[in-house]
N, C-alpha and C. Protein backbone atom coordinates (compact mmCIF):
# COMPACT_ATOMS: atom_id res chain seq x y z
N MET A 1 -5.19 6.00 19.29
CA MET A 1 -4.14 5.20 18.70
C MET A 1 -4.70 3.91 18.10
N VAL A 2 -5.63 3.29 18.82
CA VAL A 2 -6.18 2.02 18.36
C VAL A 2 -6.93 2.21 17.05
N ALA A 3 -7.68 3.30 16.93
CA ALA A 3 -8.46 3.52 15.72
C ALA A 3 -7.57 3.76 14.50
N PHE A 4 -6.41 4.37 14.71
CA PHE A 4 -5.53 4.68 13.59
C PHE A 4 -4.43 3.65 13.38
N SER A 5 -4.37 2.64 14.21
CA SER A 5 -3.30 1.65 14.04
C SER A 5 -3.38 0.92 12.70
N PRO A 6 -4.57 0.57 12.15
CA PRO A 6 -4.57 -0.03 10.82
C PRO A 6 -4.04 0.91 9.74
N VAL A 7 -4.35 2.20 9.87
CA VAL A 7 -3.90 3.18 8.88
C VAL A 7 -2.38 3.35 8.97
N LEU A 8 -1.88 3.45 10.19
CA LEU A 8 -0.43 3.62 10.36
C LEU A 8 0.33 2.39 9.88
N LEU A 9 -0.19 1.21 10.19
CA LEU A 9 0.46 -0.02 9.73
C LEU A 9 0.39 -0.11 8.21
N THR A 10 -0.72 0.30 7.63
CA THR A 10 -0.87 0.30 6.17
C THR A 10 0.13 1.25 5.53
N LEU A 11 0.25 2.45 6.07
CA LEU A 11 1.18 3.42 5.52
C LEU A 11 2.62 2.93 5.64
N LEU A 12 2.97 2.35 6.76
CA LEU A 12 4.32 1.83 6.95
C LEU A 12 4.62 0.69 5.97
N CYS A 13 3.68 -0.23 5.81
CA CYS A 13 3.89 -1.37 4.90
C CYS A 13 3.97 -0.91 3.44
N ALA A 14 3.12 0.04 3.06
CA ALA A 14 3.17 0.55 1.68
C ALA A 14 4.48 1.28 1.42
N LEU A 15 4.94 2.04 2.40
CA LEU A 15 6.21 2.75 2.24
C LEU A 15 7.36 1.76 2.12
N LEU A 16 7.33 0.72 2.94
CA LEU A 16 8.38 -0.31 2.84
C LEU A 16 8.33 -1.02 1.49
N ALA A 17 7.14 -1.25 0.97
CA ALA A 17 7.01 -1.91 -0.34
C ALA A 17 7.59 -1.03 -1.44
N THR A 18 7.41 0.29 -1.33
CA THR A 18 7.95 1.17 -2.37
C THR A 18 9.46 1.29 -2.27
N ILE A 19 10.01 0.99 -1.13
CA ILE A 19 11.46 1.04 -0.97
C ILE A 19 12.10 -0.30 -1.33
N ILE A 20 11.47 -1.40 -0.93
CA ILE A 20 12.05 -2.73 -1.13
C ILE A 20 11.91 -3.22 -2.57
N THR A 21 10.76 -3.00 -3.19
CA THR A 21 10.51 -3.55 -4.52
C THR A 21 11.53 -3.11 -5.58
N PRO A 22 11.87 -1.83 -5.67
CA PRO A 22 12.88 -1.47 -6.67
C PRO A 22 14.24 -2.12 -6.42
N SER A 23 14.56 -2.36 -5.16
CA SER A 23 15.85 -2.99 -4.88
C SER A 23 15.88 -4.45 -5.34
N VAL A 24 14.73 -5.08 -5.43
CA VAL A 24 14.66 -6.46 -5.92
C VAL A 24 15.00 -6.49 -7.41
N VAL A 25 14.59 -5.47 -8.14
CA VAL A 25 14.74 -5.43 -9.59
C VAL A 25 16.03 -4.74 -10.06
N SER A 26 16.49 -3.76 -9.31
CA SER A 26 17.54 -2.87 -9.82
C SER A 26 18.83 -3.60 -10.16
N GLU A 27 19.27 -4.53 -9.36
CA GLU A 27 20.54 -5.21 -9.65
C GLU A 27 20.42 -6.11 -10.88
N ASP A 28 19.25 -6.72 -11.06
CA ASP A 28 19.04 -7.54 -12.26
C ASP A 28 19.01 -6.69 -13.53
N LEU A 29 18.47 -5.49 -13.43
CA LEU A 29 18.46 -4.59 -14.57
C LEU A 29 19.87 -4.10 -14.90
N ARG A 30 20.60 -3.70 -13.87
CA ARG A 30 21.95 -3.18 -14.10
C ARG A 30 22.90 -4.26 -14.59
N GLY A 31 22.75 -5.47 -14.08
CA GLY A 31 23.64 -6.56 -14.45
C GLY A 31 23.29 -7.25 -15.75
N GLY A 32 22.13 -6.95 -16.31
CA GLY A 32 21.73 -7.54 -17.58
C GLY A 32 20.99 -8.86 -17.45
N LEU A 33 20.67 -9.27 -16.21
CA LEU A 33 19.97 -10.54 -16.02
C LEU A 33 18.54 -10.48 -16.57
N LEU A 34 17.91 -9.33 -16.50
CA LEU A 34 16.54 -9.22 -17.00
C LEU A 34 16.48 -9.46 -18.50
N GLU A 35 17.45 -8.95 -19.24
CA GLU A 35 17.48 -9.18 -20.69
C GLU A 35 17.64 -10.67 -20.99
N VAL A 36 18.46 -11.34 -20.19
CA VAL A 36 18.64 -12.78 -20.37
C VAL A 36 17.33 -13.51 -20.08
N LEU A 37 16.64 -13.10 -19.02
CA LEU A 37 15.35 -13.74 -18.68
C LEU A 37 14.32 -13.51 -19.79
N LEU A 38 14.30 -12.32 -20.35
CA LEU A 38 13.33 -12.03 -21.40
C LEU A 38 13.62 -12.78 -22.69
N SER A 39 14.87 -13.21 -22.89
CA SER A 39 15.20 -13.96 -24.10
C SER A 39 14.93 -15.46 -23.95
N THR A 40 14.57 -15.91 -22.76
CA THR A 40 14.24 -17.32 -22.54
C THR A 40 12.78 -17.56 -22.94
N PRO A 41 12.36 -18.83 -22.99
CA PRO A 41 10.96 -19.09 -23.35
C PRO A 41 9.94 -18.76 -22.24
N LEU A 42 10.41 -18.20 -21.13
CA LEU A 42 9.49 -17.83 -20.07
C LEU A 42 8.58 -16.69 -20.52
N ALA A 43 7.33 -16.75 -20.11
CA ALA A 43 6.39 -15.67 -20.43
C ALA A 43 6.70 -14.45 -19.56
N LYS A 44 6.39 -13.26 -20.08
CA LYS A 44 6.63 -12.03 -19.31
C LYS A 44 5.83 -12.02 -18.03
N ALA A 45 4.65 -12.61 -18.06
CA ALA A 45 3.82 -12.68 -16.86
C ALA A 45 4.49 -13.53 -15.79
N GLN A 46 5.17 -14.60 -16.18
CA GLN A 46 5.87 -15.43 -15.21
C GLN A 46 7.04 -14.68 -14.58
N ILE A 47 7.76 -13.92 -15.38
CA ILE A 47 8.88 -13.13 -14.86
C ILE A 47 8.36 -12.07 -13.90
N PHE A 48 7.30 -11.38 -14.31
CA PHE A 48 6.69 -10.36 -13.43
C PHE A 48 6.21 -10.99 -12.13
N SER A 49 5.57 -12.16 -12.22
CA SER A 49 5.07 -12.84 -11.02
C SER A 49 6.21 -13.24 -10.09
N ALA A 50 7.33 -13.68 -10.66
CA ALA A 50 8.47 -14.07 -9.82
C ALA A 50 9.03 -12.86 -9.08
N TYR A 51 9.19 -11.74 -9.79
CA TYR A 51 9.69 -10.53 -9.13
C TYR A 51 8.69 -10.02 -8.09
N LEU A 52 7.41 -10.08 -8.43
CA LEU A 52 6.39 -9.64 -7.49
C LEU A 52 6.37 -10.54 -6.26
N GLY A 53 6.53 -11.84 -6.46
CA GLY A 53 6.57 -12.76 -5.33
C GLY A 53 7.75 -12.47 -4.40
N ALA A 54 8.91 -12.18 -4.98
CA ALA A 54 10.08 -11.85 -4.15
C ALA A 54 9.85 -10.56 -3.38
N ALA A 55 9.28 -9.57 -4.04
CA ALA A 55 9.00 -8.30 -3.36
C ALA A 55 7.96 -8.48 -2.27
N LEU A 56 6.93 -9.28 -2.54
CA LEU A 56 5.89 -9.50 -1.53
C LEU A 56 6.40 -10.32 -0.36
N LEU A 57 7.31 -11.24 -0.62
CA LEU A 57 7.91 -12.01 0.47
C LEU A 57 8.67 -11.09 1.42
N LEU A 58 9.46 -10.19 0.86
CA LEU A 58 10.21 -9.27 1.70
C LEU A 58 9.31 -8.28 2.43
N THR A 59 8.32 -7.73 1.73
CA THR A 59 7.42 -6.78 2.39
C THR A 59 6.49 -7.50 3.37
N GLY A 60 6.14 -8.76 3.09
CA GLY A 60 5.36 -9.53 4.05
C GLY A 60 6.14 -9.77 5.34
N LEU A 61 7.42 -9.99 5.21
CA LEU A 61 8.26 -10.13 6.39
C LEU A 61 8.28 -8.83 7.18
N CYS A 62 8.39 -7.71 6.48
CA CYS A 62 8.34 -6.41 7.15
C CYS A 62 6.99 -6.19 7.81
N TRP A 63 5.90 -6.58 7.13
CA TRP A 63 4.57 -6.45 7.72
C TRP A 63 4.47 -7.28 9.00
N GLY A 64 5.01 -8.49 8.98
CA GLY A 64 4.98 -9.33 10.17
C GLY A 64 5.74 -8.71 11.33
N LEU A 65 6.90 -8.14 11.05
CA LEU A 65 7.68 -7.49 12.11
C LEU A 65 6.96 -6.25 12.65
N CYS A 66 6.36 -5.47 11.75
CA CYS A 66 5.61 -4.29 12.20
C CYS A 66 4.38 -4.69 13.01
N SER A 67 3.69 -5.75 12.59
CA SER A 67 2.52 -6.23 13.33
C SER A 67 2.92 -6.74 14.70
N LEU A 68 4.04 -7.43 14.76
CA LEU A 68 4.55 -7.91 16.05
C LEU A 68 4.86 -6.75 16.97
N ALA A 69 5.49 -5.71 16.44
CA ALA A 69 5.78 -4.53 17.24
C ALA A 69 4.49 -3.87 17.73
N LEU A 70 3.47 -3.83 16.86
CA LEU A 70 2.19 -3.26 17.26
C LEU A 70 1.53 -4.08 18.37
N LEU A 71 1.58 -5.40 18.22
CA LEU A 71 0.99 -6.27 19.25
C LEU A 71 1.73 -6.15 20.58
N LEU A 72 3.05 -6.04 20.54
CA LEU A 72 3.81 -5.86 21.78
C LEU A 72 3.50 -4.52 22.43
N THR A 73 3.28 -3.50 21.62
CA THR A 73 2.90 -2.19 22.16
C THR A 73 1.53 -2.27 22.82
N TRP A 74 0.59 -2.97 22.16
CA TRP A 74 -0.73 -3.14 22.76
C TRP A 74 -0.64 -3.92 24.07
N ALA A 75 0.18 -4.95 24.08
CA ALA A 75 0.34 -5.73 25.31
C ALA A 75 0.90 -4.86 26.42
N ALA A 76 1.86 -4.01 26.09
CA ALA A 76 2.44 -3.12 27.10
C ALA A 76 1.40 -2.12 27.59
N LEU A 77 0.58 -1.60 26.69
CA LEU A 77 -0.43 -0.62 27.10
C LEU A 77 -1.53 -1.24 27.94
N THR A 78 -1.90 -2.47 27.66
CA THR A 78 -3.03 -3.07 28.37
C THR A 78 -2.63 -3.78 29.65
N HIS A 79 -1.45 -4.38 29.69
CA HIS A 79 -1.11 -5.22 30.84
C HIS A 79 -0.03 -4.63 31.74
N LEU A 80 0.87 -3.89 31.20
CA LEU A 80 1.98 -3.39 32.00
C LEU A 80 1.69 -2.03 32.62
N LEU A 81 0.92 -1.22 31.95
CA LEU A 81 0.59 0.09 32.48
C LEU A 81 -0.73 0.02 33.24
N PRO A 82 -0.73 0.46 34.48
CA PRO A 82 -1.98 0.39 35.28
C PRO A 82 -2.90 1.57 35.00
N LEU A 83 -3.16 1.85 33.74
CA LEU A 83 -4.02 2.97 33.39
C LEU A 83 -5.48 2.57 33.21
N GLY A 84 -5.71 1.28 33.11
CA GLY A 84 -7.07 0.82 32.90
C GLY A 84 -7.63 1.25 31.56
N LEU A 85 -6.83 1.17 30.50
CA LEU A 85 -7.28 1.62 29.19
C LEU A 85 -8.33 0.70 28.58
N GLY A 86 -8.32 -0.55 28.94
CA GLY A 86 -9.31 -1.49 28.44
C GLY A 86 -9.23 -1.74 26.95
N LEU A 87 -8.05 -1.77 26.40
CA LEU A 87 -7.89 -2.05 24.97
C LEU A 87 -8.07 -3.53 24.71
N SER A 88 -8.76 -3.83 23.64
CA SER A 88 -8.93 -5.23 23.25
C SER A 88 -8.86 -5.33 21.74
N LEU A 89 -8.44 -6.48 21.28
CA LEU A 89 -8.31 -6.73 19.84
C LEU A 89 -9.52 -7.55 19.41
N SER A 90 -10.48 -6.86 18.79
CA SER A 90 -11.68 -7.54 18.33
C SER A 90 -11.38 -8.28 17.02
N PRO A 91 -12.21 -9.26 16.66
CA PRO A 91 -11.99 -9.95 15.39
C PRO A 91 -12.06 -9.01 14.18
N THR A 92 -12.92 -8.01 14.24
CA THR A 92 -13.03 -7.06 13.14
C THR A 92 -11.75 -6.25 13.00
N LEU A 93 -11.21 -5.79 14.13
CA LEU A 93 -9.98 -5.02 14.09
C LEU A 93 -8.82 -5.89 13.62
N ALA A 94 -8.79 -7.14 14.04
CA ALA A 94 -7.73 -8.06 13.59
C ALA A 94 -7.82 -8.27 12.08
N TRP A 95 -9.04 -8.39 11.55
CA TRP A 95 -9.23 -8.55 10.11
C TRP A 95 -8.75 -7.30 9.36
N ILE A 96 -9.10 -6.12 9.89
CA ILE A 96 -8.67 -4.87 9.25
C ILE A 96 -7.15 -4.73 9.32
N LEU A 97 -6.56 -5.12 10.45
CA LEU A 97 -5.10 -5.04 10.59
C LEU A 97 -4.38 -6.00 9.66
N THR A 98 -5.07 -7.00 9.18
CA THR A 98 -4.46 -7.95 8.25
C THR A 98 -4.76 -7.55 6.80
N ALA A 99 -6.01 -7.33 6.49
CA ALA A 99 -6.42 -7.11 5.10
C ALA A 99 -5.97 -5.77 4.53
N LEU A 100 -6.11 -4.72 5.29
CA LEU A 100 -5.79 -3.39 4.77
C LEU A 100 -4.30 -3.23 4.47
N PRO A 101 -3.40 -3.54 5.40
CA PRO A 101 -1.97 -3.39 5.07
C PRO A 101 -1.52 -4.33 3.95
N LEU A 102 -2.01 -5.55 3.94
CA LEU A 102 -1.57 -6.48 2.91
C LEU A 102 -2.08 -6.09 1.54
N SER A 103 -3.30 -5.58 1.45
CA SER A 103 -3.81 -5.17 0.15
C SER A 103 -3.06 -3.94 -0.37
N MET A 104 -2.78 -2.98 0.49
CA MET A 104 -2.03 -1.80 0.06
C MET A 104 -0.57 -2.16 -0.24
N THR A 105 -0.03 -3.15 0.46
CA THR A 105 1.33 -3.61 0.17
C THR A 105 1.38 -4.26 -1.20
N LEU A 106 0.38 -5.07 -1.51
CA LEU A 106 0.30 -5.69 -2.83
C LEU A 106 0.19 -4.62 -3.92
N TRP A 107 -0.66 -3.63 -3.71
CA TRP A 107 -0.80 -2.54 -4.67
C TRP A 107 0.52 -1.80 -4.85
N SER A 108 1.15 -1.41 -3.75
CA SER A 108 2.39 -0.63 -3.83
C SER A 108 3.50 -1.43 -4.51
N ALA A 109 3.62 -2.70 -4.16
CA ALA A 109 4.67 -3.53 -4.76
C ALA A 109 4.42 -3.72 -6.26
N ALA A 110 3.17 -3.96 -6.65
CA ALA A 110 2.86 -4.16 -8.07
C ALA A 110 3.11 -2.89 -8.88
N VAL A 111 2.71 -1.74 -8.36
CA VAL A 111 2.92 -0.48 -9.07
C VAL A 111 4.41 -0.18 -9.18
N MET A 112 5.15 -0.37 -8.10
CA MET A 112 6.59 -0.09 -8.14
C MET A 112 7.31 -1.05 -9.07
N LEU A 113 6.90 -2.31 -9.07
CA LEU A 113 7.53 -3.28 -9.96
C LEU A 113 7.23 -2.94 -11.43
N GLY A 114 5.99 -2.61 -11.71
CA GLY A 114 5.64 -2.20 -13.07
C GLY A 114 6.40 -0.96 -13.50
N GLY A 115 6.49 0.02 -12.60
CA GLY A 115 7.25 1.22 -12.90
C GLY A 115 8.73 0.95 -13.10
N ALA A 116 9.28 0.05 -12.29
CA ALA A 116 10.71 -0.28 -12.41
C ALA A 116 11.00 -1.02 -13.70
N LEU A 117 10.10 -1.90 -14.11
CA LEU A 117 10.33 -2.66 -15.34
C LEU A 117 10.07 -1.83 -16.60
N LEU A 118 9.08 -0.95 -16.53
CA LEU A 118 8.77 -0.11 -17.69
C LEU A 118 9.71 1.09 -17.82
N TYR A 119 10.10 1.65 -16.69
CA TYR A 119 10.95 2.84 -16.68
C TYR A 119 12.13 2.61 -15.74
N PRO A 120 13.16 1.90 -16.20
CA PRO A 120 14.29 1.56 -15.33
C PRO A 120 15.05 2.77 -14.79
N ARG A 121 14.98 3.91 -15.47
CA ARG A 121 15.70 5.09 -14.97
C ARG A 121 15.13 5.61 -13.66
N THR A 122 13.91 5.22 -13.33
CA THR A 122 13.35 5.66 -12.05
C THR A 122 14.02 4.97 -10.88
N LEU A 123 14.83 3.95 -11.14
CA LEU A 123 15.52 3.25 -10.07
C LEU A 123 16.79 3.97 -9.64
N ASP A 124 17.24 4.95 -10.42
CA ASP A 124 18.44 5.68 -10.04
C ASP A 124 18.20 6.41 -8.73
N GLY A 125 19.25 6.45 -7.93
CA GLY A 125 19.13 7.07 -6.61
C GLY A 125 18.89 8.56 -6.70
N SER A 126 18.10 9.04 -5.78
CA SER A 126 17.85 10.48 -5.69
C SER A 126 17.64 10.80 -4.22
N ALA A 127 17.48 12.06 -3.92
CA ALA A 127 17.30 12.46 -2.54
C ALA A 127 16.02 11.88 -1.96
N GLY A 128 16.06 11.51 -0.72
CA GLY A 128 14.89 10.95 -0.05
C GLY A 128 14.53 9.59 -0.61
N VAL A 129 13.23 9.34 -0.76
CA VAL A 129 12.77 8.07 -1.31
C VAL A 129 12.52 8.17 -2.80
N GLY A 130 12.88 9.27 -3.41
CA GLY A 130 12.70 9.41 -4.85
C GLY A 130 11.38 10.08 -5.17
N GLY A 131 11.30 10.63 -6.34
CA GLY A 131 10.10 11.36 -6.70
C GLY A 131 9.45 10.84 -7.95
N SER A 132 9.60 9.57 -8.24
CA SER A 132 9.03 9.04 -9.47
C SER A 132 7.50 9.01 -9.38
N PRO A 133 6.84 9.16 -10.53
CA PRO A 133 5.37 9.08 -10.53
C PRO A 133 4.87 7.71 -10.05
N ALA A 134 5.64 6.67 -10.30
CA ALA A 134 5.23 5.34 -9.84
C ALA A 134 5.17 5.30 -8.32
N ARG A 135 6.12 5.92 -7.66
CA ARG A 135 6.12 5.94 -6.19
C ARG A 135 4.92 6.73 -5.67
N LEU A 136 4.61 7.84 -6.34
CA LEU A 136 3.45 8.63 -5.94
C LEU A 136 2.16 7.83 -6.12
N LEU A 137 2.04 7.14 -7.24
CA LEU A 137 0.87 6.31 -7.49
C LEU A 137 0.79 5.15 -6.50
N ALA A 138 1.94 4.60 -6.12
CA ALA A 138 1.96 3.47 -5.20
C ALA A 138 1.56 3.88 -3.79
N LEU A 139 1.95 5.07 -3.37
CA LEU A 139 1.68 5.51 -2.00
C LEU A 139 0.37 6.27 -1.84
N ALA A 140 -0.21 6.77 -2.93
CA ALA A 140 -1.39 7.62 -2.84
C ALA A 140 -2.55 7.00 -2.06
N PRO A 141 -2.95 5.75 -2.34
CA PRO A 141 -4.09 5.22 -1.57
C PRO A 141 -3.81 5.13 -0.07
N SER A 142 -2.59 4.78 0.30
CA SER A 142 -2.27 4.67 1.72
C SER A 142 -2.22 6.03 2.40
N VAL A 143 -1.68 7.02 1.70
CA VAL A 143 -1.59 8.36 2.27
C VAL A 143 -2.97 8.98 2.40
N LEU A 144 -3.83 8.75 1.41
CA LEU A 144 -5.18 9.32 1.45
C LEU A 144 -6.10 8.59 2.42
N LEU A 145 -5.65 7.46 2.93
CA LEU A 145 -6.48 6.69 3.86
C LEU A 145 -6.66 7.40 5.20
N MET A 146 -5.63 8.09 5.66
CA MET A 146 -5.72 8.78 6.96
C MET A 146 -6.79 9.86 6.96
N PRO A 147 -6.74 10.85 6.04
CA PRO A 147 -7.81 11.85 6.07
C PRO A 147 -9.19 11.25 5.76
N ALA A 148 -9.21 10.22 4.93
CA ALA A 148 -10.49 9.59 4.63
C ALA A 148 -11.10 8.97 5.87
N MET A 149 -10.27 8.34 6.70
CA MET A 149 -10.79 7.74 7.93
C MET A 149 -11.27 8.81 8.90
N VAL A 150 -10.52 9.89 9.02
CA VAL A 150 -10.92 10.97 9.93
C VAL A 150 -12.23 11.58 9.47
N LEU A 151 -12.34 11.88 8.18
CA LEU A 151 -13.58 12.47 7.67
C LEU A 151 -14.74 11.49 7.73
N ALA A 152 -14.47 10.24 7.39
CA ALA A 152 -15.55 9.26 7.36
C ALA A 152 -16.10 8.99 8.75
N SER A 153 -15.24 9.02 9.75
CA SER A 153 -15.73 8.74 11.10
C SER A 153 -16.65 9.85 11.60
N GLN A 154 -16.45 11.08 11.11
CA GLN A 154 -17.26 12.20 11.59
C GLN A 154 -18.39 12.57 10.64
N HIS A 155 -18.18 12.36 9.35
CA HIS A 155 -19.13 12.87 8.36
C HIS A 155 -19.48 11.81 7.33
N LEU A 156 -19.68 10.59 7.74
CA LEU A 156 -19.92 9.52 6.78
C LEU A 156 -21.22 9.72 5.99
N GLY A 157 -22.28 10.10 6.66
CA GLY A 157 -23.56 10.30 5.99
C GLY A 157 -23.50 11.36 4.90
N PRO A 158 -23.06 12.60 5.25
CA PRO A 158 -22.97 13.63 4.20
C PRO A 158 -22.00 13.28 3.08
N LEU A 159 -20.91 12.58 3.39
CA LEU A 159 -19.96 12.19 2.34
C LEU A 159 -20.61 11.23 1.34
N LEU A 160 -21.34 10.24 1.87
CA LEU A 160 -22.01 9.29 0.98
C LEU A 160 -23.08 9.98 0.15
N LEU A 161 -23.85 10.83 0.79
CA LEU A 161 -24.89 11.56 0.07
C LEU A 161 -24.29 12.47 -0.99
N GLY A 162 -23.22 13.18 -0.65
CA GLY A 162 -22.55 14.04 -1.62
C GLY A 162 -21.98 13.24 -2.79
N GLY A 163 -21.43 12.07 -2.49
CA GLY A 163 -20.91 11.21 -3.55
C GLY A 163 -22.00 10.73 -4.49
N LEU A 164 -23.15 10.34 -3.92
CA LEU A 164 -24.27 9.89 -4.76
C LEU A 164 -24.82 11.03 -5.61
N VAL A 165 -24.94 12.21 -5.02
CA VAL A 165 -25.43 13.36 -5.78
C VAL A 165 -24.44 13.71 -6.88
N GLY A 166 -23.14 13.67 -6.57
CA GLY A 166 -22.12 13.95 -7.58
C GLY A 166 -22.15 12.95 -8.72
N LEU A 167 -22.30 11.67 -8.40
CA LEU A 167 -22.39 10.65 -9.45
C LEU A 167 -23.64 10.83 -10.30
N ALA A 168 -24.76 11.17 -9.64
CA ALA A 168 -25.98 11.40 -10.39
C ALA A 168 -25.82 12.61 -11.31
N ALA A 169 -25.18 13.67 -10.83
CA ALA A 169 -24.98 14.86 -11.65
C ALA A 169 -24.08 14.55 -12.84
N LEU A 170 -23.04 13.76 -12.61
CA LEU A 170 -22.15 13.39 -13.72
C LEU A 170 -22.85 12.52 -14.75
N SER A 171 -23.68 11.61 -14.29
CA SER A 171 -24.38 10.75 -15.24
C SER A 171 -25.42 11.54 -16.03
N ILE A 172 -26.07 12.50 -15.39
CA ILE A 172 -27.04 13.33 -16.10
C ILE A 172 -26.33 14.24 -17.09
N ALA A 173 -25.19 14.81 -16.68
CA ALA A 173 -24.42 15.69 -17.57
C ALA A 173 -23.89 14.92 -18.77
N GLY A 174 -23.61 13.63 -18.60
CA GLY A 174 -23.13 12.83 -19.70
C GLY A 174 -24.21 12.48 -20.69
N ASP A 175 -25.49 12.56 -20.28
CA ASP A 175 -26.60 12.21 -21.15
C ASP A 175 -27.27 13.44 -21.76
N VAL A 176 -26.65 14.62 -21.65
CA VAL A 176 -27.26 15.83 -22.20
C VAL A 176 -27.24 15.75 -23.72
N PRO A 177 -28.42 15.92 -24.37
CA PRO A 177 -28.45 15.88 -25.83
C PRO A 177 -27.77 17.10 -26.43
N GLY A 178 -27.20 16.90 -27.60
CA GLY A 178 -26.56 17.99 -28.32
C GLY A 178 -25.06 18.10 -28.08
N ASP A 179 -24.49 17.21 -27.32
CA ASP A 179 -23.04 17.25 -27.08
C ASP A 179 -22.28 16.49 -28.11
């Protein structure tokens, strides 16, 4: 559980970002406020930054609540249960628990905001969490993190070697004369 807690927290925060970010934008789009904002002298980057800041504030609050729940669970496992698990929060793990979820949350919120502003029809309700390509792109790094961690922990050497050989093969194939 301890090894996968950064991945699970990352997945939860990215999922929350993909759900919260469109809700920040959707009412402004439906009500016509976005058109009014775009007709003002404000730069588009400033408007995007304001929406992104609002989405990150909300998802940051969710990240804080999820992190608090994780810390309380760790406290219960280490101090309340007499199992002698010996769990400890190292500085490296604390850094990973902070940096990984926040970076994936930033990615997910930015992709969803861009998708919502470029393609407003993706904000229409559908079954589940929706099937827009923006949502898939926003969640893909977080979802792929779990199998990557499992494979990397067991086969890191061969994966790196295979990646280097693959890159070398691609670079050689790109330099073939006569193409």
